Amino acid sequence: MFTTFIVQPIFNLLVLIYALLPGHNFGLSIILFTVIIRLLLWPLLKKQLHQAKVMRQLQPELKKLKLEAKGDRQKESRLLMELYKERGVNPFGQIGVMFIQLPILIGLYSGLRRVVSDPHALVKFAYSPLQHLFWMRQLAHNIHLFDRTLFGFVDLTRAAAGKGGIYWPAMLIVVITSVLQYYQTKQLMPGDKSSRKLRDILRDAGGGKQADQTEVSAAVGRSTRFLLPAFIFLAMVNLPSAIGLYWLVGGAVALIQQSAVLKSDETEMEALADGPSKDLKQIPEAEIVEPTPKKSSKSKKAKRRKRK
């Protein structure tokens, strides 16, 4: 069922792009395939990014809740859930894209593994209507026409590290992918300079000081900006570079999408603050301060006379 409903449709979308693309370059086909997938996931991605933006804005209020709870964990959890409900935040909303991306990645890997072991699978594993396309008929008669490279520079069926040693073109893709993942994760992290590092929290806990669970969770979350790129590097280094190329292009597109969404949110906030209506109710966390009237010099002199 997984092959029928996940692997084959994903692989056939890639084959369709490859068969219709002028020049029939497999690397360029993967790039276009990745961009199409990211665009199809855009509504969900946009919702996820808005959730991340709201979570960053809530950091000052989370600190206030912590002070209000005064160490009462149950009260702190209840206030936290109330705040999330009030702001429409789903704490697990950012996991949705990951769960969707994972089957796509597995499906792509499974299809590419077939092509690596037998290039004829490019034709055999395709749907019947695709097999009748002109270029697919050409491949069926001469599979050596299949160009499995990225513009002739990177063999997309080879891994960065294998029996033949390090394949540097693929290693470059893996390294760039890991760096992009670091910046992609960092971009969504709340920028709280006062937050302590995980090792400092654990050191204090070892000295007998009770660790705050919220602070620990925030510190663990910040550490993922290093752990996730490291995990991706270790995973991708032994996979065909076609998988690394998919993740690289996806990371680059995601970084652009994140920047656009976060920038649009900032622009909307500035427009609300600087607009002609000056409706402060629309500005989150706005504080209305009424100006105090200045006392005139005459009133000051009158008060002095009364004192005398």
C-alpha atoms as a PDB file:
ATOM      1  CA  MET A   1       0.000   0.000   0.000  1.00  0.00           C
ATOM      2  CA  PHE A   2       2.844   2.384   0.818  1.00  0.00           C
ATOM      3  CA  THR A   3       4.426   1.680  -2.581  1.00  0.00           C
ATOM      4  CA  THR A   4       1.110   2.076  -4.422  1.00  0.00           C
ATOM      5  CA  PHE A   5      -0.157   5.209  -2.693  1.00  0.00           C
ATOM      6  CA  ILE A   6       3.071   7.003  -1.690  1.00  0.00           C
ATOM      7  CA  VAL A   7       6.186   5.815  -3.533  1.00  0.00           C
ATOM      8  CA  GLN A   8       4.778   5.374  -7.031  1.00  0.00           C
ATOM      9  CA  PRO A   9       2.835   8.688  -7.261  1.00  0.00           C
ATOM     10  CA  ILE A  10       5.823  10.679  -5.945  1.00  0.00           C
ATOM     11  CA  PHE A  11       8.247   8.913  -8.257  1.00  0.00           C
ATOM     12  CA  ASN A  12       5.944   9.314 -11.261  1.00  0.00           C
ATOM     13  CA  LEU A  13       5.641  13.054 -10.662  1.00  0.00           C
ATOM     14  CA  LEU A  14       9.428  13.217 -10.854  1.00  0.00           C
ATOM     15  CA  VAL A  15       9.438  11.045 -13.992  1.00  0.00           C
ATOM     16  CA  LEU A  16       6.802  13.257 -15.643  1.00  0.00           C
ATOM     17  CA  ILE A  17       8.899  16.371 -15.013  1.00  0.00           C
ATOM     18  CA  TYR A  18      11.998  14.564 -16.278  1.00  0.00           C
ATOM     19  CA  ALA A  19      10.283  13.307 -19.445  1.00  0.00           C
ATOM     20  CA  LEU A  20       8.800  16.698 -20.387  1.00  0.00           C
ATOM     21  CA  LEU A  21      11.787  18.853 -19.413  1.00  0.00           C
ATOM     22  CA  PRO A  22      13.877  20.068 -22.376  1.00  0.00           C
ATOM     23  CA  GLY A  23      17.308  18.493 -22.150  1.00  0.00           C
ATOM     24  CA  HIS A  24      16.031  15.762 -19.794  1.00  0.00           C
ATOM     25  CA  ASN A  25      18.539  16.521 -17.018  1.00  0.00           C
ATOM     26  CA  PHE A  26      17.734  14.431 -13.952  1.00  0.00           C
ATOM     27  CA  GLY A  27      19.267  16.919 -11.500  1.00  0.00           C
ATOM     28  CA  LEU A  28      17.217  19.818 -12.840  1.00  0.00           C
ATOM     29  CA  SER A  29      14.129  17.585 -12.693  1.00  0.00           C
ATOM     30  CA  ILE A  30      14.707  17.020  -8.958  1.00  0.00           C
ATOM     31  CA  ILE A  31      15.081  20.790  -8.424  1.00  0.00           C
ATOM     32  CA  LEU A  32      11.784  21.520 -10.191  1.00  0.00           C
ATOM     33  CA  PHE A  33      10.119  18.595  -8.391  1.00  0.00           C
ATOM     34  CA  THR A  34      11.233  20.033  -5.023  1.00  0.00           C
ATOM     35  CA  VAL A  35       9.963  23.536  -5.851  1.00  0.00           C
ATOM     36  CA  ILE A  36       6.571  22.115  -6.913  1.00  0.00           C
ATOM     37  CA  ILE A  37       6.296  20.110  -3.672  1.00  0.00           C
ATOM     38  CA  ARG A  38       7.135  23.196  -1.583  1.00  0.00           C
ATOM     39  CA  LEU A  39       4.525  25.246  -3.450  1.00  0.00           C
ATOM     40  CA  LEU A  40       1.885  22.544  -2.912  1.00  0.00           C
ATOM     41  CA  LEU A  41       2.706  22.568   0.804  1.00  0.00           C
ATOM     42  CA  TRP A  42       2.659  26.377   0.967  1.00  0.00           C
ATOM     43  CA  PRO A  43      -0.735  26.781   2.741  1.00  0.00           C
ATOM     44  CA  LEU A  44       0.366  24.431   5.509  1.00  0.00           C
ATOM     45  CA  LEU A  45       3.848  25.951   5.620  1.00  0.00           C
ATOM     46  CA  LYS A  46       2.440  29.462   5.903  1.00  0.00           C
ATOM     47  CA  LYS A  47       0.244  28.441   8.822  1.00  0.00           C
ATOM     48  CA  GLN A  48       3.231  26.789  10.495  1.00  0.00           C
ATOM     49  CA  LEU A  49       5.373  29.913  10.060  1.00  0.00           C
ATOM     50  CA  HIS A  50       2.664  32.161  11.514  1.00  0.00           C
ATOM     51  CA  GLN A  51       2.494  29.824  14.507  1.00  0.00           C
ATOM     52  CA  ALA A  52       6.251  30.145  14.956  1.00  0.00           C
ATOM     53  CA  LYS A  53       5.992  33.941  14.696  1.00  0.00           C
ATOM     54  CA  VAL A  54       3.296  34.065  17.381  1.00  0.00           C
ATOM     55  CA  MET A  55       5.352  31.795  19.625  1.00  0.00           C
ATOM     56  CA  ARG A  56       8.259  34.236  19.357  1.00  0.00           C
ATOM     57  CA  GLN A  57       5.971  37.147  20.257  1.00  0.00           C
ATOM     58  CA  LEU A  58       4.645  35.303  23.300  1.00  0.00           C
ATOM     59  CA  GLN A  59       8.031  35.026  25.023  1.00  0.00           C
ATOM     60  CA  PRO A  60       7.554  38.142  27.267  1.00  0.00           C
ATOM     61  CA  GLU A  61       4.083  36.944  28.295  1.00  0.00           C
ATOM     62  CA  LEU A  62       5.420  33.472  29.099  1.00  0.00           C
ATOM     63  CA  LYS A  63       7.823  35.052  31.565  1.00  0.00           C
ATOM     64  CA  LYS A  64       4.964  36.971  33.168  1.00  0.00           C
ATOM     65  CA  LEU A  65       2.976  33.740  33.547  1.00  0.00           C
ATOM     66  CA  LYS A  66       5.952  32.120  35.198  1.00  0.00           C
ATOM     67  CA  LEU A  67       6.159  34.930  37.767  1.00  0.00           C
ATOM     68  CA  GLU A  68       2.409  34.874  38.319  1.00  0.00           C
ATOM     69  CA  ALA A  69       2.394  31.113  38.968  1.00  0.00           C
ATOM     70  CA  LYS A  70       5.105  31.521  41.692  1.00  0.00           C
ATOM     71  CA  GLY A  71       6.393  27.977  41.280  1.00  0.00           C
ATOM     72  CA  ASP A  72       2.963  26.337  41.050  1.00  0.00           C
ATOM     73  CA  ARG A  73       3.439  24.005  38.067  1.00  0.00           C
ATOM     74  CA  GLN A  74      -0.249  23.171  37.680  1.00  0.00           C
ATOM     75  CA  LYS A  75      -1.243  26.834  37.687  1.00  0.00           C
ATOM     76  CA  GLU A  76       1.549  27.646  35.232  1.00  0.00           C
ATOM     77  CA  SER A  77       0.391  24.895  32.848  1.00  0.00           C
ATOM     78  CA  ARG A  78      -3.223  26.051  33.106  1.00  0.00           C
ATOM     79  CA  LEU A  79      -2.309  29.684  32.416  1.00  0.00           C
ATOM     80  CA  LEU A  80      -0.111  28.580  29.523  1.00  0.00           C
ATOM     81  CA  MET A  81      -2.917  26.592  27.899  1.00  0.00           C
ATOM     82  CA  GLU A  82      -5.295  29.521  28.371  1.00  0.00           C
ATOM     83  CA  LEU A  83      -2.789  31.852  26.696  1.00  0.00           C
ATOM     84  CA  TYR A  84      -2.321  29.443  23.769  1.00  0.00           C
ATOM     85  CA  LYS A  85      -6.089  29.138  23.360  1.00  0.00           C
ATOM     86  CA  GLU A  86      -6.536  32.917  23.502  1.00  0.00           C
ATOM     87  CA  ARG A  87      -3.898  33.529  20.848  1.00  0.00           C
ATOM     88  CA  GLY A  88      -4.920  30.534  18.697  1.00  0.00           C
ATOM     89  CA  VAL A  89      -1.600  28.760  19.101  1.00  0.00           C
ATOM     90  CA  ASN A  90      -1.201  25.026  18.596  1.00  0.00           C
ATOM     91  CA  PRO A  91       2.034  23.950  20.358  1.00  0.00           C
ATOM     92  CA  PHE A  92       2.285  20.939  18.049  1.00  0.00           C
ATOM     93  CA  GLY A  93       1.313  22.818  14.885  1.00  0.00           C
ATOM     94  CA  GLN A  94       4.886  22.964  13.616  1.00  0.00           C
ATOM     95  CA  ILE A  95       5.179  19.176  13.504  1.00  0.00           C
ATOM     96  CA  GLY A  96       2.605  18.804  10.701  1.00  0.00           C
ATOM     97  CA  VAL A  97       4.940  19.739   7.850  1.00  0.00           C
ATOM     98  CA  MET A  98       7.571  17.329   9.141  1.00  0.00           C
ATOM     99  CA  PHE A  99       5.086  14.444   9.085  1.00  0.00           C
ATOM    100  CA  ILE A 100       4.130  15.311   5.500  1.00  0.00           C
ATOM    101  CA  GLN A 101       7.737  15.781   4.381  1.00  0.00           C
ATOM    102  CA  LEU A 102       8.820  12.408   5.770  1.00  0.00           C
ATOM    103  CA  PRO A 103       6.668  10.192   3.466  1.00  0.00           C
ATOM    104  CA  ILE A 104       7.746  12.321   0.483  1.00  0.00           C
ATOM    105  CA  LEU A 105      11.397  11.822   1.417  1.00  0.00           C
ATOM    106  CA  ILE A 106      10.950   8.079   1.942  1.00  0.00           C
ATOM    107  CA  GLY A 107       8.977   7.748  -1.280  1.00  0.00           C
ATOM    108  CA  LEU A 108      11.604   9.637  -3.256  1.00  0.00           C
ATOM    109  CA  TYR A 109      14.402   7.576  -1.704  1.00  0.00           C
ATOM    110  CA  SER A 110      12.601   4.311  -2.466  1.00  0.00           C
ATOM    111  CA  GLY A 111      12.074   5.306  -6.098  1.00  0.00           C
ATOM    112  CA  LEU A 112      15.652   6.509  -6.542  1.00  0.00           C
ATOM    113  CA  ARG A 113      16.991   3.325  -4.972  1.00  0.00           C
ATOM    114  CA  ARG A 114      15.259   1.369  -7.731  1.00  0.00           C
ATOM    115  CA  VAL A 115      16.889   3.552 -10.382  1.00  0.00           C
ATOM    116  CA  VAL A 116      20.337   3.227  -8.749  1.00  0.00           C
ATOM    117  CA  SER A 117      20.126  -0.576  -8.722  1.00  0.00           C
ATOM    118  CA  ASP A 118      18.522  -0.782 -12.183  1.00  0.00           C
ATOM    119  CA  PRO A 119      18.179   2.279 -14.478  1.00  0.00           C
ATOM    120  CA  HIS A 120      15.464   0.422 -16.428  1.00  0.00           C
ATOM    121  CA  ALA A 121      13.198   0.950 -13.382  1.00  0.00           C
ATOM    122  CA  LEU A 122      12.838   4.555 -14.556  1.00  0.00           C
ATOM    123  CA  VAL A 123      10.631   3.180 -17.335  1.00  0.00           C
ATOM    124  CA  LYS A 124       9.275   0.028 -15.705  1.00  0.00           C
ATOM    125  CA  PHE A 125       8.102   1.752 -12.494  1.00  0.00           C
ATOM    126  CA  ALA A 126       6.403   4.576 -14.413  1.00  0.00           C
ATOM    127  CA  TYR A 127       2.661   4.607 -15.053  1.00  0.00           C
ATOM    128  CA  SER A 128       1.543   3.273 -18.417  1.00  0.00           C
ATOM    129  CA  PRO A 129       0.615   6.702 -19.883  1.00  0.00           C
ATOM    130  CA  LEU A 130       4.085   8.016 -19.012  1.00  0.00           C
ATOM    131  CA  GLN A 131       5.751   5.040 -20.668  1.00  0.00           C
ATOM    132  CA  HIS A 132       4.209   6.136 -23.986  1.00  0.00           C
ATOM    133  CA  LEU A 133       5.805   9.605 -23.868  1.00  0.00           C
ATOM    134  CA  PHE A 134       8.384  10.155 -26.610  1.00  0.00           C
ATOM    135  CA  TRP A 135      11.426  10.403 -24.327  1.00  0.00           C
ATOM    136  CA  MET A 136      10.354   7.405 -22.235  1.00  0.00           C
ATOM    137  CA  ARG A 137      10.079   5.308 -25.403  1.00  0.00           C
ATOM    138  CA  GLN A 138      13.589   6.438 -26.313  1.00  0.00           C
ATOM    139  CA  LEU A 139      14.878   5.320 -22.914  1.00  0.00           C
ATOM    140  CA  ALA A 140      13.114   1.980 -23.224  1.00  0.00           C
ATOM    141  CA  HIS A 141      15.146   1.296 -26.388  1.00  0.00           C
ATOM    142  CA  ASN A 142      18.413   2.794 -25.085  1.00  0.00           C
ATOM    143  CA  ILE A 143      18.692   3.267 -21.324  1.00  0.00           C
ATOM    144  CA  HIS A 144      22.181   4.758 -21.730  1.00  0.00           C
ATOM    145  CA  LEU A 145      20.466   8.007 -22.783  1.00  0.00           C
ATOM    146  CA  PHE A 146      19.529   8.489 -19.126  1.00  0.00           C
ATOM    147  CA  ASP A 147      21.607  11.327 -17.653  1.00  0.00           C
ATOM    148  CA  ARG A 148      21.763  10.727 -13.907  1.00  0.00           C
ATOM    149  CA  THR A 149      23.837  13.808 -13.132  1.00  0.00           C
ATOM    150  CA  LEU A 150      23.276  17.414 -12.116  1.00  0.00           C
ATOM    151  CA  PHE A 151      24.402  19.294 -15.226  1.00  0.00           C
ATOM    152  CA  GLY A 152      27.157  16.707 -15.721  1.00  0.00           C
ATOM    153  CA  PHE A 153      28.982  17.655 -12.491  1.00  0.00           C
ATOM    154  CA  VAL A 154      27.382  15.506  -9.760  1.00  0.00           C
ATOM    155  CA  ASP A 155      26.462  11.836 -10.095  1.00  0.00           C
ATOM    156  CA  LEU A 156      23.145  11.826  -8.231  1.00  0.00           C
ATOM    157  CA  THR A 157      23.215   8.067  -7.637  1.00  0.00           C
ATOM    158  CA  ARG A 158      26.438   8.251  -5.588  1.00  0.00           C
ATOM    159  CA  ALA A 159      26.651   8.989  -1.870  1.00  0.00           C
ATOM    160  CA  ALA A 160      29.037  11.475  -0.266  1.00  0.00           C
ATOM    161  CA  ALA A 161      30.798   8.657   1.598  1.00  0.00           C
ATOM    162  CA  GLY A 162      30.938   5.130   0.220  1.00  0.00           C
ATOM    163  CA  LYS A 163      33.194   2.266  -0.742  1.00  0.00           C
ATOM    164  CA  GLY A 164      35.120   4.474  -3.153  1.00  0.00           C
ATOM    165  CA  GLY A 165      35.892   6.995  -0.412  1.00  0.00           C
ATOM    166  CA  ILE A 166      34.572  10.547  -0.210  1.00  0.00           C
ATOM    167  CA  TYR A 167      32.738  11.822  -3.280  1.00  0.00           C
ATOM    168  CA  TRP A 168      33.381  15.557  -2.864  1.00  0.00           C
ATOM    169  CA  PRO A 169      30.624  16.974  -5.133  1.00  0.00           C
ATOM    170  CA  ALA A 170      28.029  15.063  -3.090  1.00  0.00           C
ATOM    171  CA  MET A 171      29.790  16.018   0.165  1.00  0.00           C
ATOM    172  CA  LEU A 172      29.479  19.682  -0.804  1.00  0.00           C
ATOM    173  CA  ILE A 173      25.713  19.238  -1.216  1.00  0.00           C
ATOM    174  CA  VAL A 174      25.476  17.590   2.227  1.00  0.00           C
ATOM    175  CA  VAL A 175      27.481  20.359   3.926  1.00  0.00           C
ATOM    176  CA  ILE A 176      25.466  23.176   2.322  1.00  0.00           C
ATOM    177  CA  THR A 177      22.230  21.355   3.225  1.00  0.00           C
ATOM    178  CA  SER A 178      23.285  21.152   6.898  1.00  0.00           C
ATOM    179  CA  VAL A 179      24.249  24.847   6.985  1.00  0.00           C
ATOM    180  CA  LEU A 180      20.920  25.860   5.450  1.00  0.00           C
ATOM    181  CA  GLN A 181      19.084  23.718   8.001  1.00  0.00           C
ATOM    182  CA  TYR A 182      20.928  25.518  10.815  1.00  0.00           C
ATOM    183  CA  TYR A 183      19.856  28.958   9.581  1.00  0.00           C
ATOM    184  CA  GLN A 184      16.353  27.720   8.820  1.00  0.00           C
ATOM    185  CA  THR A 185      15.963  26.492  12.420  1.00  0.00           C
ATOM    186  CA  LYS A 186      17.638  29.546  13.934  1.00  0.00           C
ATOM    187  CA  GLN A 187      15.320  31.887  12.027  1.00  0.00           C
ATOM    188  CA  LEU A 188      12.299  30.447  13.855  1.00  0.00           C
ATOM    189  CA  MET A 189      13.890  30.418  17.311  1.00  0.00           C
ATOM    190  CA  PRO A 190      12.787  33.050  19.840  1.00  0.00           C
ATOM    191  CA  GLY A 191      15.600  35.564  20.276  1.00  0.00           C
ATOM    192  CA  ASP A 192      15.798  35.795  24.071  1.00  0.00           C
ATOM    193  CA  LYS A 193      19.256  36.926  25.164  1.00  0.00           C
ATOM    194  CA  SER A 194      18.470  36.418  28.843  1.00  0.00           C
ATOM    195  CA  SER A 195      17.803  32.690  28.408  1.00  0.00           C
ATOM    196  CA  ARG A 196      20.352  30.389  29.994  1.00  0.00           C
ATOM    197  CA  LYS A 197      22.155  27.564  28.245  1.00  0.00           C
ATOM    198  CA  LEU A 198      21.221  23.956  28.974  1.00  0.00           C
ATOM    199  CA  ARG A 199      24.597  23.134  30.543  1.00  0.00           C
ATOM    200  CA  ASP A 200      24.227  26.048  32.989  1.00  0.00           C
ATOM    201  CA  ILE A 201      20.757  24.855  34.009  1.00  0.00           C
ATOM    202  CA  LEU A 202      22.009  21.295  34.524  1.00  0.00           C
ATOM    203  CA  ARG A 203      25.021  22.544  36.506  1.00  0.00           C
ATOM    204  CA  ASP A 204      22.743  24.471  38.872  1.00  0.00           C
ATOM    205  CA  ALA A 205      20.451  21.443  39.148  1.00  0.00           C
ATOM    206  CA  GLY A 206      23.451  19.328  40.101  1.00  0.00           C
ATOM    207  CA  GLY A 207      24.177  21.824  42.880  1.00  0.00           C
ATOM    208  CA  GLY A 208      20.746  21.239  44.398  1.00  0.00           C
ATOM    209  CA  LYS A 209      18.830  24.054  42.711  1.00  0.00           C
ATOM    210  CA  GLN A 210      15.508  22.928  41.258  1.00  0.00           C
ATOM    211  CA  ALA A 211      15.424  23.279  37.466  1.00  0.00           C
ATOM    212  CA  ASP A 212      12.505  25.099  35.898  1.00  0.00           C
ATOM    213  CA  GLN A 213      10.817  22.847  33.333  1.00  0.00           C
ATOM    214  CA  THR A 214       9.876  25.735  31.037  1.00  0.00           C
ATOM    215  CA  GLU A 215      13.452  26.980  31.013  1.00  0.00           C
ATOM    216  CA  VAL A 216      14.755  23.469  30.347  1.00  0.00           C
ATOM    217  CA  SER A 217      12.327  22.996  27.439  1.00  0.00           C
ATOM    218  CA  ALA A 218      13.376  26.326  25.923  1.00  0.00           C
ATOM    219  CA  ALA A 219      17.062  25.404  26.256  1.00  0.00           C
ATOM    220  CA  VAL A 220      16.483  21.986  24.650  1.00  0.00           C
ATOM    221  CA  GLY A 221      14.558  23.682  21.837  1.00  0.00           C
ATOM    222  CA  ARG A 222      17.475  26.038  21.180  1.00  0.00           C
ATOM    223  CA  SER A 223      19.883  23.119  21.043  1.00  0.00           C
ATOM    224  CA  THR A 224      17.950  21.642  18.097  1.00  0.00           C
ATOM    225  CA  ARG A 225      19.470  24.274  15.816  1.00  0.00           C
ATOM    226  CA  PHE A 226      22.721  22.309  16.217  1.00  0.00           C
ATOM    227  CA  LEU A 227      21.340  18.794  16.629  1.00  0.00           C
ATOM    228  CA  LEU A 228      19.075  18.823  13.557  1.00  0.00           C
ATOM    229  CA  PRO A 229      21.805  19.917  11.081  1.00  0.00           C
ATOM    230  CA  ALA A 230      24.156  17.319  12.603  1.00  0.00           C
ATOM    231  CA  PHE A 231      21.500  14.615  12.242  1.00  0.00           C
ATOM    232  CA  ILE A 232      20.840  15.609   8.626  1.00  0.00           C
ATOM    233  CA  PHE A 233      24.560  15.533   7.853  1.00  0.00           C
ATOM    234  CA  LEU A 234      24.981  12.014   9.312  1.00  0.00           C
ATOM    235  CA  ALA A 235      21.855  10.768   7.523  1.00  0.00           C
ATOM    236  CA  MET A 236      22.563  12.322   4.123  1.00  0.00           C
ATOM    237  CA  VAL A 237      26.236  11.427   3.920  1.00  0.00           C
ATOM    238  CA  ASN A 238      25.399   7.770   3.171  1.00  0.00           C
ATOM    239  CA  LEU A 239      22.400   8.371   0.891  1.00  0.00           C
ATOM    240  CA  PRO A 240      22.383   9.027  -2.879  1.00  0.00           C
ATOM    241  CA  SER A 241      23.186  12.681  -3.530  1.00  0.00           C
ATOM    242  CA  ALA A 242      19.791  13.021  -5.251  1.00  0.00           C
ATOM    243  CA  ILE A 243      18.221  12.928  -1.760  1.00  0.00           C
ATOM    244  CA  GLY A 244      20.707  15.558  -0.585  1.00  0.00           C
ATOM    245  CA  LEU A 245      19.839  17.721  -3.596  1.00  0.00           C
ATOM    246  CA  TYR A 246      16.124  17.455  -2.771  1.00  0.00           C
ATOM    247  CA  TRP A 247      16.779  18.496   0.846  1.00  0.00           C
ATOM    248  CA  LEU A 248      19.146  21.277  -0.242  1.00  0.00           C
ATOM    249  CA  VAL A 249      16.657  22.874  -2.644  1.00  0.00           C
ATOM    250  CA  GLY A 250      13.836  22.378  -0.137  1.00  0.00           C
ATOM    251  CA  GLY A 251      15.883  24.094   2.568  1.00  0.00           C
ATOM    252  CA  ALA A 252      16.725  27.029   0.298  1.00  0.00           C
ATOM    253  CA  VAL A 253      13.082  27.501  -0.729  1.00  0.00           C
ATOM    254  CA  ALA A 254      11.960  27.165   2.915  1.00  0.00           C
ATOM    255  CA  LEU A 255      14.446  29.838   3.990  1.00  0.00           C
ATOM    256  CA  ILE A 256      13.051  32.221   1.356  1.00  0.00           C
ATOM    257  CA  GLN A 257       9.461  31.408   2.345  1.00  0.00           C
ATOM    258  CA  GLN A 258      10.212  31.927   6.039  1.00  0.00           C
ATOM    259  CA  SER A 259      11.882  35.264   5.373  1.00  0.00           C
ATOM    260  CA  ALA A 260       8.908  36.400   3.266  1.00  0.00           C
ATOM    261  CA  VAL A 261       6.306  35.409   5.877  1.00  0.00           C
ATOM    262  CA  LEU A 262       8.201  36.851   8.841  1.00  0.00           C
ATOM    263  CA  LYS A 263       8.898  40.037   6.885  1.00  0.00           C
ATOM    264  CA  SER A 264       5.236  40.393   5.907  1.00  0.00           C
ATOM    265  CA  ASP A 265       4.237  40.007   9.556  1.00  0.00           C
ATOM    266  CA  GLU A 266       6.627  42.803  10.560  1.00  0.00           C
ATOM    267  CA  THR A 267       5.324  44.992   7.722  1.00  0.00           C
ATOM    268  CA  GLU A 268       1.722  44.441   8.851  1.00  0.00           C
ATOM    269  CA  MET A 269       2.645  45.396  12.418  1.00  0.00           C
ATOM    270  CA  GLU A 270       4.399  48.579  11.249  1.00  0.00           C
ATOM    271  CA  ALA A 271       1.462  49.467   8.975  1.00  0.00           C
ATOM    272  CA  LEU A 272      -0.943  49.135  11.878  1.00  0.00           C
ATOM    273  CA  ALA A 273       1.264  51.261  14.119  1.00  0.00           C
ATOM    274  CA  ASP A 274       1.901  54.000  11.529  1.00  0.00           C
ATOM    275  CA  GLY A 275      -1.478  53.970   9.782  1.00  0.00           C
ATOM    276  CA  PRO A 276      -3.824  56.976   9.793  1.00  0.00           C
ATOM    277  CA  SER A 277      -6.391  55.277  12.000  1.00  0.00           C
ATOM    278  CA  LYS A 278      -3.920  54.657  14.845  1.00  0.00           C
ATOM    279  CA  ASP A 279      -6.220  51.934  16.123  1.00  0.00           C
ATOM    280  CA  LEU A 280      -4.107  50.664  18.990  1.00  0.00           C
ATOM    281  CA  LYS A 281      -6.510  47.828  19.692  1.00  0.00           C
ATOM    282  CA  GLN A 282      -5.238  46.105  16.549  1.00  0.00           C
ATOM    283  CA  ILE A 283      -1.621  46.239  17.720  1.00  0.00           C
ATOM    284  CA  PRO A 284      -0.712  43.236  19.907  1.00  0.00           C
ATOM    285  CA  GLU A 285       0.845  44.061  23.247  1.00  0.00           C
ATOM    286  CA  ALA A 286       0.282  47.773  22.684  1.00  0.00           C
ATOM    287  CA  GLU A 287       0.425  49.950  25.739  1.00  0.00           C
ATOM    288  CA  ILE A 288      -1.616  53.142  25.703  1.00  0.00           C
ATOM    289  CA  VAL A 289       0.011  55.857  27.726  1.00  0.00           C
ATOM    290  CA  GLU A 290      -1.998  59.029  28.233  1.00  0.00           C
ATOM    291  CA  PRO A 291       0.201  62.117  28.214  1.00  0.00           C
ATOM    292  CA  THR A 292       0.218  64.039  31.481  1.00  0.00           C
ATOM    293  CA  PRO A 293      -0.579  67.754  31.034  1.00  0.00           C
ATOM    294  CA  LYS A 294       2.327  70.026  31.707  1.00  0.00           C
ATOM    295  CA  LYS A 295       1.875  72.497  34.506  1.00  0.00           C
ATOM    296  CA  SER A 296       2.118  76.093  33.465  1.00  0.00           C
ATOM    297  CA  SER A 297       4.560  78.478  35.101  1.00  0.00           C
ATOM    298  CA  LYS A 298       1.613  80.593  36.415  1.00  0.00           C
ATOM    299  CA  SER A 299       0.152  77.663  38.356  1.00  0.00           C
ATOM    300  CA  LYS A 300       3.562  76.947  39.864  1.00  0.00           C
ATOM    301  CA  LYS A 301       3.903  80.561  41.058  1.00  0.00           C
ATOM    302  CA  ALA A 302       0.370  80.479  42.564  1.00  0.00           C
ATOM    303  CA  LYS A 303       1.233  77.370  44.571  1.00  0.00           C
ATOM    304  CA  ARG A 304       4.398  79.005  45.865  1.00  0.00           C
ATOM    305  CA  ARG A 305       2.407  82.066  47.058  1.00  0.00           C
ATOM    306  CA  LYS A 306      -0.084  79.859  48.905  1.00  0.00           C
ATOM    307  CA  ARG A 307       2.787  78.045  50.661  1.00  0.00           C
ATOM    308  CA  LYS A 308       4.219  81.405  51.733  1.00  0.00           C
END
